[in-house]
Amino acid sequence: MKRSVPILVIDYRTIGTVSLDELKQAFWEDIEALKDHFGVAYVTNTKLILPVTNEFGDPLLVKRLATGAVVSRLDTHHYRPACIDYKL
C-alpha cells in the first residue's frame, strides 16, 4: 500500500518579480523557519518550479550560455554521498 506524504506549499507569488538573490534569501529564511518554528528536519523528493522572467515579468527561455541550447529541466548540483544514508 502506497503511503501518502503530506505536502507543504510555500507561496512566493505575493513577492512578485524578484532577483534570484532575493529569492534565495527568501528560501533560506523559510527553510530556517521550518526548522526553528515547525520542527521540520527532512524532506523527500522535492521539486522547485520556477517561472523564469526578465525584470519586467516577461517570460524567458532558459538557455545554456555556452551553447545556446534551451533547458527546461535541471538535476540538482548538490551531491549527497550514499555513505551518509547507510552510515558507512
Protein backbone atom coordinates (compact mmCIF):
# COMPACT_ATOMS: atom_id res chain seq x y z
CA MET A 1 0.00 0.00 0.00
CA LYS A 2 1.42 3.36 -1.01
CA ARG A 3 1.86 5.83 1.83
CA SER A 4 0.66 9.38 1.18
CA VAL A 5 3.10 12.10 2.12
CA PRO A 6 1.79 15.46 3.33
CA ILE A 7 2.88 18.33 1.11
CA LEU A 8 3.69 21.82 2.32
CA VAL A 9 3.40 24.67 -0.20
CA ILE A 10 5.31 27.89 0.44
CA ASP A 11 3.76 30.55 -1.80
CA TYR A 12 6.08 33.21 -3.22
CA ARG A 13 3.58 34.76 -5.66
CA THR A 14 2.94 37.69 -3.34
CA ILE A 15 6.53 38.95 -3.60
CA GLY A 16 6.19 39.41 -7.37
CA THR A 17 9.17 39.57 -9.73
CA VAL A 18 12.42 39.31 -7.77
CA SER A 19 16.08 38.63 -8.48
CA LEU A 20 17.48 35.15 -7.88
CA ASP A 21 19.49 36.53 -4.97
CA GLU A 22 16.34 37.83 -3.29
CA LEU A 23 14.53 34.53 -3.94
CA LYS A 24 17.49 32.65 -2.48
CA GLN A 25 17.25 34.77 0.67
CA ALA A 26 13.51 34.11 0.93
CA PHE A 27 14.12 30.34 0.56
CA TRP A 28 16.82 30.43 3.21
CA GLU A 29 14.62 32.30 5.69
CA ASP A 30 11.70 29.93 5.10
CA ILE A 31 13.88 26.82 5.47
CA GLU A 32 15.24 28.19 8.74
CA ALA A 33 11.66 28.89 9.90
CA LEU A 34 10.64 25.32 9.03
CA LYS A 35 13.45 24.03 11.25
CA ASP A 36 13.13 26.52 14.11
CA HIS A 37 9.37 27.08 14.32
CA PHE A 38 7.86 23.89 12.92
CA GLY A 39 10.41 21.19 13.78
CA VAL A 40 10.89 20.03 10.19
CA ALA A 41 14.19 18.19 9.77
CA TYR A 42 13.86 16.23 6.49
CA VAL A 43 12.14 16.40 3.10
CA THR A 44 11.80 13.78 0.35
CA ASN A 45 11.52 14.09 -3.44
CA THR A 46 11.25 17.87 -3.54
CA LYS A 47 10.80 19.83 -6.75
CA LEU A 48 11.31 23.52 -7.44
CA ILE A 49 9.32 25.04 -10.31
CA LEU A 50 10.48 28.48 -11.44
CA PRO A 51 8.57 30.68 -13.88
CA VAL A 52 11.66 32.42 -15.33
CA THR A 53 11.19 36.06 -16.40
CA ASN A 54 13.09 39.23 -17.07
CA GLU A 55 12.97 42.18 -14.65
CA PHE A 56 9.60 43.26 -16.11
CA GLY A 57 7.94 39.86 -15.58
CA ASP A 58 8.06 38.83 -19.26
CA PRO A 59 8.64 35.07 -19.73
CA LEU A 60 12.13 33.96 -20.83
CA LEU A 61 13.52 30.70 -22.18
CA VAL A 62 16.42 29.34 -20.14
CA LYS A 63 19.41 28.68 -22.40
CA ARG A 64 22.89 27.36 -21.76
CA LEU A 65 25.35 30.23 -22.02
CA ALA A 66 27.99 28.08 -23.73
CA THR A 67 25.82 26.53 -26.47
CA GLY A 68 22.51 28.41 -26.55
CA ALA A 69 20.62 25.15 -26.05
CA VAL A 70 17.19 25.60 -24.43
CA VAL A 71 16.89 23.97 -20.98
CA SER A 72 13.58 23.15 -19.26
CA ARG A 73 14.81 20.73 -16.56
CA LEU A 74 17.90 20.66 -14.37
CA ASP A 75 19.06 17.99 -11.98
CA THR A 76 20.49 19.38 -8.77
CA HIS A 77 24.19 20.08 -8.50
CA HIS A 78 24.03 19.11 -4.82
CA TYR A 79 25.93 15.92 -4.06
CA ARG A 80 24.90 13.64 -1.18
CA PRO A 81 27.17 10.64 -0.63
CA ALA A 82 25.35 7.32 -0.23
CA CYS A 83 27.54 6.50 2.76
CA ILE A 84 25.56 9.07 4.78
CA ASP A 85 22.32 7.14 4.22
CA TYR A 86 23.93 3.79 5.06
CA LYS A 87 26.15 5.02 7.90
CA LEU A 88 29.29 3.64 6.23
